[in-house]
């Protein structure tokens, strides 16, 4: 399939295969392996499993995972 600039573009995950992709992802298959198996891009796999991916919005808001117990990732402790 060619895009508007004449480049080859891999198709999206077919609707009939989405459930298989999601199940495989939940069984710890990597995004790259799923993309190879289904002959689609990693972006297509990420789109198919988007609601299963870790939520990254809290990082954009400045919450970097500090818990109530005071744990913080290396190098982020305020002194």
PDB file of N, CA and C in Angstrom:
ATOM      1  N   UNK A   1       0.846  -1.165   0.000  1.00  0.00           N
ATOM      2  CA  UNK A   1       0.000   0.000   0.000  1.00  0.00           C
ATOM      3  C   UNK A   1       0.898   1.236   0.000  1.00  0.00           C
ATOM      4  N   UNK A   2       0.630   2.195  -0.850  1.00  0.00           N
ATOM      5  CA  UNK A   2       1.416   3.417  -0.930  1.00  0.00           C
ATOM      6  C   UNK A   2       0.688   4.559  -0.253  1.00  0.00           C
ATOM      7  N   UNK A   3       1.458   5.394   0.443  1.00  0.00           N
ATOM      8  CA  UNK A   3       0.845   6.563   1.056  1.00  0.00           C
ATOM      9  C   UNK A   3       0.853   7.715   0.048  1.00  0.00           C
ATOM     10  N   UNK A   4       0.490   8.899   0.478  1.00  0.00           N
ATOM     11  CA  UNK A   4       0.365  10.037  -0.429  1.00  0.00           C
ATOM     12  C   UNK A   4       1.693  10.474  -1.036  1.00  0.00           C
ATOM     13  N   UNK A   5       2.817  10.063  -0.437  1.00  0.00           N
ATOM     14  CA  UNK A   5       4.120  10.445  -0.945  1.00  0.00           C
ATOM     15  C   UNK A   5       4.796   9.309  -1.707  1.00  0.00           C
ATOM     16  N   UNK A   6       4.060   8.242  -1.986  1.00  0.00           N
ATOM     17  CA  UNK A   6       4.586   7.133  -2.758  1.00  0.00           C
ATOM     18  C   UNK A   6       5.416   6.143  -1.971  1.00  0.00           C
ATOM     19  N   UNK A   7       5.390   6.244  -0.650  1.00  0.00           N
ATOM     20  CA  UNK A   7       6.156   5.327   0.187  1.00  0.00           C
ATOM     21  C   UNK A   7       5.301   4.112   0.547  1.00  0.00           C
ATOM     22  N   UNK A   8       5.964   2.976   0.702  1.00  0.00           N
ATOM     23  CA  UNK A   8       5.246   1.769   1.094  1.00  0.00           C
ATOM     24  C   UNK A   8       4.845   1.896   2.558  1.00  0.00           C
ATOM     25  N   UNK A   9       3.610   1.606   2.836  1.00  0.00           N
ATOM     26  CA  UNK A   9       3.087   1.732   4.188  1.00  0.00           C
ATOM     27  C   UNK A   9       2.402   0.443   4.581  1.00  0.00           C
ATOM     28  N   UNK A  10       2.740  -0.088   5.742  1.00  0.00           N
ATOM     29  CA  UNK A  10       2.102  -1.312   6.206  1.00  0.00           C
ATOM     30  C   UNK A  10       0.671  -1.018   6.636  1.00  0.00           C
ATOM     31  N   UNK A  11      -0.234  -1.950   6.421  1.00  0.00           N
ATOM     32  CA  UNK A  11      -1.637  -1.733   6.785  1.00  0.00           C
ATOM     33  C   UNK A  11      -1.856  -1.794   8.296  1.00  0.00           C
ATOM     34  N   UNK A  12      -3.017  -1.357   8.703  1.00  0.00           N
ATOM     35  CA  UNK A  12      -3.417  -1.441  10.108  1.00  0.00           C
ATOM     36  C   UNK A  12      -3.815  -2.877  10.430  1.00  0.00           C
ATOM     37  N   UNK A  13      -3.950  -3.171  11.707  1.00  0.00           N
ATOM     38  CA  UNK A  13      -4.389  -4.499  12.134  1.00  0.00           C
ATOM     39  C   UNK A  13      -5.845  -4.674  11.706  1.00  0.00           C
ATOM     40  N   UNK A  14      -6.137  -5.766  11.036  1.00  0.00           N
ATOM     41  CA  UNK A  14      -7.511  -6.038  10.602  1.00  0.00           C
ATOM     42  C   UNK A  14      -8.412  -6.204  11.824  1.00  0.00           C
ATOM     43  N   UNK A  15      -9.632  -5.733  11.712  1.00  0.00           N
ATOM     44  CA  UNK A  15     -10.576  -5.796  12.834  1.00  0.00           C
ATOM     45  C   UNK A  15     -10.736  -7.229  13.350  1.00  0.00           C
ATOM     46  N   UNK A  16     -10.714  -8.194  12.449  1.00  0.00           N
ATOM     47  CA  UNK A  16     -10.880  -9.595  12.847  1.00  0.00           C
ATOM     48  C   UNK A  16      -9.690 -10.103  13.657  1.00  0.00           C
ATOM     49  N   UNK A  17      -8.526  -9.467  13.511  1.00  0.00           N
ATOM     50  CA  UNK A  17      -7.306  -9.903  14.202  1.00  0.00           C
ATOM     51  C   UNK A  17      -7.035  -9.125  15.489  1.00  0.00           C
ATOM     52  N   UNK A  18      -7.781  -8.058  15.746  1.00  0.00           N
ATOM     53  CA  UNK A  18      -7.515  -7.215  16.905  1.00  0.00           C
ATOM     54  C   UNK A  18      -7.587  -7.996  18.210  1.00  0.00           C
ATOM     55  N   UNK A  19      -8.576  -8.860  18.354  1.00  0.00           N
ATOM     56  CA  UNK A  19      -8.706  -9.648  19.590  1.00  0.00           C
ATOM     57  C   UNK A  19      -7.497 -10.562  19.780  1.00  0.00           C
ATOM     58  N   UNK A  20      -6.995 -11.157  18.697  1.00  0.00           N
ATOM     59  CA  UNK A  20      -5.809 -12.008  18.782  1.00  0.00           C
ATOM     60  C   UNK A  20      -4.587 -11.208  19.215  1.00  0.00           C
ATOM     61  N   UNK A  21      -4.432 -10.019  18.650  1.00  0.00           N
ATOM     62  CA  UNK A  21      -3.303  -9.159  19.000  1.00  0.00           C
ATOM     63  C   UNK A  21      -3.373  -8.776  20.473  1.00  0.00           C
ATOM     64  N   UNK A  22      -4.546  -8.386  20.934  1.00  0.00           N
ATOM     65  CA  UNK A  22      -4.700  -7.970  22.331  1.00  0.00           C
ATOM     66  C   UNK A  22      -4.433  -9.127  23.291  1.00  0.00           C
ATOM     67  N   UNK A  23      -4.912 -10.311  22.952  1.00  0.00           N
ATOM     68  CA  UNK A  23      -4.673 -11.479  23.795  1.00  0.00           C
ATOM     69  C   UNK A  23      -3.188 -11.805  23.852  1.00  0.00           C
ATOM     70  N   UNK A  24      -2.533 -11.783  22.712  1.00  0.00           N
ATOM     71  CA  UNK A  24      -1.095 -12.063  22.662  1.00  0.00           C
ATOM     72  C   UNK A  24      -0.306 -11.033  23.456  1.00  0.00           C
ATOM     73  N   UNK A  25      -0.704  -9.753  23.372  1.00  0.00           N
ATOM     74  CA  UNK A  25      -0.027  -8.699  24.125  1.00  0.00           C
ATOM     75  C   UNK A  25      -0.168  -8.945  25.629  1.00  0.00           C
ATOM     76  N   UNK A  26      -1.364  -9.329  26.051  1.00  0.00           N
ATOM     77  CA  UNK A  26      -1.590  -9.612  27.472  1.00  0.00           C
ATOM     78  C   UNK A  26      -0.814 -10.841  27.935  1.00  0.00           C
ATOM     79  N   UNK A  27      -0.456 -11.713  27.005  1.00  0.00           N
ATOM     80  CA  UNK A  27       0.344 -12.892  27.324  1.00  0.00           C
ATOM     81  C   UNK A  27       1.840 -12.586  27.206  1.00  0.00           C
ATOM     82  N   UNK A  28       2.188 -11.299  27.217  1.00  0.00           N
ATOM     83  CA  UNK A  28       3.570 -10.810  27.238  1.00  0.00           C
ATOM     84  C   UNK A  28       4.315 -10.893  25.919  1.00  0.00           C
ATOM     85  N   UNK A  29       3.622 -10.958  24.796  1.00  0.00           N
ATOM     86  CA  UNK A  29       4.290 -10.857  23.492  1.00  0.00           C
ATOM     87  C   UNK A  29       4.714  -9.406  23.297  1.00  0.00           C
ATOM     88  N   UNK A  30       5.873  -9.187  22.738  1.00  0.00           N
ATOM     89  CA  UNK A  30       6.347  -7.824  22.524  1.00  0.00           C
ATOM     90  C   UNK A  30       5.613  -7.188  21.335  1.00  0.00           C
ATOM     91  N   UNK A  31       5.584  -5.868  21.345  1.00  0.00           N
ATOM     92  CA  UNK A  31       4.951  -5.129  20.256  1.00  0.00           C
ATOM     93  C   UNK A  31       5.664  -5.412  18.943  1.00  0.00           C
ATOM     94  N   UNK A  32       6.996  -5.488  18.972  1.00  0.00           N
ATOM     95  CA  UNK A  32       7.761  -5.759  17.754  1.00  0.00           C
ATOM     96  C   UNK A  32       7.449  -7.148  17.199  1.00  0.00           C
ATOM     97  N   UNK A  33       7.358  -8.148  18.076  1.00  0.00           N
ATOM     98  CA  UNK A  33       7.058  -9.510  17.625  1.00  0.00           C
ATOM     99  C   UNK A  33       5.655  -9.586  17.032  1.00  0.00           C
ATOM    100  N   UNK A  34       4.714  -8.922  17.648  1.00  0.00           N
ATOM    101  CA  UNK A  34       3.347  -8.916  17.117  1.00  0.00           C
ATOM    102  C   UNK A  34       3.303  -8.235  15.749  1.00  0.00           C
ATOM    103  N   UNK A  35       4.059  -7.143  15.597  1.00  0.00           N
ATOM    104  CA  UNK A  35       4.097  -6.439  14.307  1.00  0.00           C
ATOM    105  C   UNK A  35       4.661  -7.347  13.216  1.00  0.00           C
ATOM    106  N   UNK A  36       5.708  -8.090  13.542  1.00  0.00           N
ATOM    107  CA  UNK A  36       6.281  -9.011  12.548  1.00  0.00           C
ATOM    108  C   UNK A  36       5.287 -10.117  12.201  1.00  0.00           C
ATOM    109  N   UNK A  37       4.661 -10.695  13.226  1.00  0.00           N
ATOM    110  CA  UNK A  37       3.734 -11.802  13.001  1.00  0.00           C
ATOM    111  C   UNK A  37       2.545 -11.401  12.140  1.00  0.00           C
ATOM    112  N   UNK A  38       2.038 -10.196  12.349  1.00  0.00           N
ATOM    113  CA  UNK A  38       0.836  -9.741  11.643  1.00  0.00           C
ATOM    114  C   UNK A  38       1.162  -8.862  10.431  1.00  0.00           C
ATOM    115  N   UNK A  39       2.463  -8.666  10.179  1.00  0.00           N
ATOM    116  CA  UNK A  39       2.929  -7.886   9.035  1.00  0.00           C
ATOM    117  C   UNK A  39       2.335  -6.482   8.981  1.00  0.00           C
ATOM    118  N   UNK A  40       2.359  -5.829  10.143  1.00  0.00           N
ATOM    119  CA  UNK A  40       1.903  -4.446  10.265  1.00  0.00           C
ATOM    120  C   UNK A  40       2.976  -3.668  11.020  1.00  0.00           C
ATOM    121  N   UNK A  41       2.802  -2.369  11.118  1.00  0.00           N
ATOM    122  CA  UNK A  41       3.773  -1.542  11.835  1.00  0.00           C
ATOM    123  C   UNK A  41       3.583  -1.677  13.352  1.00  0.00           C
ATOM    124  N   UNK A  42       4.629  -1.310  14.091  1.00  0.00           N
ATOM    125  CA  UNK A  42       4.519  -1.301  15.559  1.00  0.00           C
ATOM    126  C   UNK A  42       3.471  -0.289  15.998  1.00  0.00           C
ATOM    127  N   UNK A  43       3.348   0.806  15.249  1.00  0.00           N
ATOM    128  CA  UNK A  43       2.323   1.802  15.561  1.00  0.00           C
ATOM    129  C   UNK A  43       0.924   1.229  15.446  1.00  0.00           C
ATOM    130  N   UNK A  44       0.711   0.361  14.465  1.00  0.00           N
ATOM    131  CA  UNK A  44      -0.599  -0.277  14.312  1.00  0.00           C
ATOM    132  C   UNK A  44      -0.888  -1.180  15.504  1.00  0.00           C
ATOM    133  N   UNK A  45       0.141  -1.871  15.992  1.00  0.00           N
ATOM    134  CA  UNK A  45      -0.040  -2.727  17.176  1.00  0.00           C
ATOM    135  C   UNK A  45      -0.326  -1.855  18.397  1.00  0.00           C
ATOM    136  N   UNK A  46       0.433  -0.767  18.550  1.00  0.00           N
ATOM    137  CA  UNK A  46       0.188   0.129  19.693  1.00  0.00           C
ATOM    138  C   UNK A  46      -1.231   0.677  19.674  1.00  0.00           C
ATOM    139  N   UNK A  47      -1.731   0.995  18.483  1.00  0.00           N
ATOM    140  CA  UNK A  47      -3.107   1.486  18.373  1.00  0.00           C
ATOM    141  C   UNK A  47      -4.098   0.412  18.803  1.00  0.00           C
ATOM    142  N   UNK A  48      -3.838  -0.834  18.415  1.00  0.00           N
ATOM    143  CA  UNK A  48      -4.752  -1.941  18.741  1.00  0.00           C
ATOM    144  C   UNK A  48      -4.778  -2.235  20.244  1.00  0.00           C
ATOM    145  N   UNK A  49      -3.673  -1.951  20.929  1.00  0.00           N
ATOM    146  CA  UNK A  49      -3.603  -2.271  22.368  1.00  0.00           C
ATOM    147  C   UNK A  49      -3.497  -1.008  23.221  1.00  0.00           C
ATOM    148  N   UNK A  50      -3.861   0.135  22.660  1.00  0.00           N
ATOM    149  CA  UNK A  50      -3.660   1.424  23.326  1.00  0.00           C
ATOM    150  C   UNK A  50      -4.228   1.474  24.736  1.00  0.00           C
ATOM    151  N   UNK A  51      -5.408   0.940  24.942  1.00  0.00           N
ATOM    152  CA  UNK A  51      -5.998   1.009  26.276  1.00  0.00           C
ATOM    153  C   UNK A  51      -5.355   0.028  27.251  1.00  0.00           C
ATOM    154  N   UNK A  52      -4.489  -0.856  26.760  1.00  0.00           N
ATOM    155  CA  UNK A  52      -3.789  -1.800  27.628  1.00  0.00           C
ATOM    156  C   UNK A  52      -2.402  -1.304  28.015  1.00  0.00           C
ATOM    157  N   UNK A  53      -1.907  -0.280  27.323  1.00  0.00           N
ATOM    158  CA  UNK A  53      -0.576   0.261  27.601  1.00  0.00           C
ATOM    159  C   UNK A  53      -0.589   1.053  28.899  1.00  0.00           C
ATOM    160  N   UNK A  54       0.564   1.145  29.580  1.00  0.00           N
ATOM    161  CA  UNK A  54       0.629   1.936  30.808  1.00  0.00           C
ATOM    162  C   UNK A  54       0.243   3.386  30.538  1.00  0.00           C
ATOM    163  N   UNK A  55      -0.422   3.992  31.493  1.00  0.00           N
ATOM    164  CA  UNK A  55      -0.865   5.378  31.354  1.00  0.00           C
ATOM    165  C   UNK A  55       0.337   6.311  31.497  1.00  0.00           C
ATOM    166  N   UNK A  56       0.610   7.077  30.466  1.00  0.00           N
ATOM    167  CA  UNK A  56       1.750   7.993  30.485  1.00  0.00           C
ATOM    168  C   UNK A  56       1.311   9.429  30.778  1.00  0.00           C
ATOM    169  N   UNK A  57       0.026   9.683  30.903  1.00  0.00           N
ATOM    170  CA  UNK A  57      -0.447  11.051  31.087  1.00  0.00           C
ATOM    171  C   UNK A  57      -0.020  11.626  32.427  1.00  0.00           C
ATOM    172  N   UNK A  58       0.143  10.784  33.444  1.00  0.00           N
ATOM    173  CA  UNK A  58       0.534  11.315  34.756  1.00  0.00           C
ATOM    174  C   UNK A  58       1.947  11.870  34.722  1.00  0.00           C
ATOM    175  N   UNK A  59       2.824  11.323  33.849  1.00  0.00           N
ATOM    176  CA  UNK A  59       4.181  11.832  33.733  1.00  0.00           C
ATOM    177  C   UNK A  59       4.187  13.219  33.109  1.00  0.00           C
ATOM    178  N   UNK A  60       3.319  13.437  32.162  1.00  0.00           N
ATOM    179  CA  UNK A  60       3.221  14.747  31.533  1.00  0.00           C
ATOM    180  C   UNK A  60       2.738  15.794  32.529  1.00  0.00           C
ATOM    181  N   UNK A  61       1.957  15.356  33.509  1.00  0.00           N
ATOM    182  CA  UNK A  61       1.431  16.265  34.516  1.00  0.00           C
ATOM    183  C   UNK A  61       2.436  16.525  35.642  1.00  0.00           C
ATOM    184  N   UNK A  62       3.601  15.879  35.599  1.00  0.00           N
ATOM    185  CA  UNK A  62       4.615  16.120  36.616  1.00  0.00           C
ATOM    186  C   UNK A  62       4.652  15.085  37.723  1.00  0.00           C
ATOM    187  N   UNK A  63       3.743  14.122  37.739  1.00  0.00           N
ATOM    188  CA  UNK A  63       3.752  13.054  38.728  1.00  0.00           C
ATOM    189  C   UNK A  63       4.665  11.953  38.213  1.00  0.00           C
ATOM    190  N   UNK A  64       5.796  11.780  38.842  1.00  0.00           N
ATOM    191  CA  UNK A  64       6.775  10.809  38.372  1.00  0.00           C
ATOM    192  C   UNK A  64       6.784   9.552  39.215  1.00  0.00           C
ATOM    193  N   UNK A  65       5.649   9.158  39.749  1.00  0.00           N
ATOM    194  CA  UNK A  65       5.524   7.886  40.426  1.00  0.00           C
ATOM    195  C   UNK A  65       5.913   7.873  41.886  1.00  0.00           C
ATOM    196  N   UNK A  66       6.018   9.009  42.526  1.00  0.00           N
ATOM    197  CA  UNK A  66       6.354   9.006  43.940  1.00  0.00           C
ATOM    198  C   UNK A  66       5.182   8.473  44.739  1.00  0.00           C
ATOM    199  N   UNK A  67       5.466   7.564  45.623  1.00  0.00           N
ATOM    200  CA  UNK A  67       4.397   6.977  46.432  1.00  0.00           C
ATOM    201  C   UNK A  67       4.297   7.711  47.765  1.00  0.00           C
ATOM    202  N   UNK A  68       3.282   7.367  48.526  1.00  0.00           N
ATOM    203  CA  UNK A  68       3.093   7.957  49.842  1.00  0.00           C
ATOM    204  C   UNK A  68       4.243   7.582  50.778  1.00  0.00           C
ATOM    205  N   UNK A  69       4.895   6.463  50.520  1.00  0.00           N
ATOM    206  CA  UNK A  69       6.000   6.020  51.372  1.00  0.00           C
ATOM    207  C   UNK A  69       7.271   6.816  51.107  1.00  0.00           C
ATOM    208  N   UNK A  70       7.290   7.662  50.095  1.00  0.00           N
ATOM    209  CA  UNK A  70       8.427   8.511  49.836  1.00  0.00           C
ATOM    210  C   UNK A  70       9.414   7.969  48.821  1.00  0.00           C
ATOM    211  N   UNK A  71       9.115   6.837  48.204  1.00  0.00           N
ATOM    212  CA  UNK A  71      10.022   6.298  47.194  1.00  0.00           C
ATOM    213  C   UNK A  71       9.990   7.189  45.970  1.00  0.00           C
ATOM    214  N   UNK A  72      11.138   7.384  45.371  1.00  0.00           N
ATOM    215  CA  UNK A  72      11.226   8.157  44.138  1.00  0.00           C
ATOM    216  C   UNK A  72      12.277   7.524  43.246  1.00  0.00           C
ATOM    217  N   UNK A  73      12.115   7.607  41.935  1.00  0.00           N
ATOM    218  CA  UNK A  73      13.133   7.075  41.032  1.00  0.00           C
ATOM    219  C   UNK A  73      14.484   7.725  41.290  1.00  0.00           C
ATOM    220  N   UNK A  74      15.566   7.028  40.973  1.00  0.00           N
ATOM    221  CA  UNK A  74      16.918   7.492  41.206  1.00  0.00           C
ATOM    222  C   UNK A  74      17.125   8.904  40.652  1.00  0.00           C
ATOM    223  N   UNK A  75      17.728   9.751  41.449  1.00  0.00           N
ATOM    224  CA  UNK A  75      18.065  11.102  41.008  1.00  0.00           C
ATOM    225  C   UNK A  75      16.949  12.101  41.116  1.00  0.00           C
ATOM    226  N   UNK A  76      15.813  11.728  41.700  1.00  0.00           N
ATOM    227  CA  UNK A  76      14.705  12.681  41.776  1.00  0.00           C
ATOM    228  C   UNK A  76      14.351  13.064  43.203  1.00  0.00           C
ATOM    229  N   UNK A  77      15.156  12.642  44.168  1.00  0.00           N
ATOM    230  CA  UNK A  77      14.855  12.950  45.569  1.00  0.00           C
ATOM    231  C   UNK A  77      15.222  14.406  45.845  1.00  0.00           C
ATOM    232  N   UNK A  78      14.267  15.145  46.404  1.00  0.00           N
ATOM    233  CA  UNK A  78      14.508  16.540  46.776  1.00  0.00           C
ATOM    234  C   UNK A  78      15.253  16.549  48.089  1.00  0.00           C
ATOM    235  N   UNK A  79      16.328  17.303  48.136  1.00  0.00           N
ATOM    236  CA  UNK A  79      17.117  17.388  49.386  1.00  0.00           C
ATOM    237  C   UNK A  79      17.047  18.784  49.928  1.00  0.00           C
TER     238      UNK A  79
END
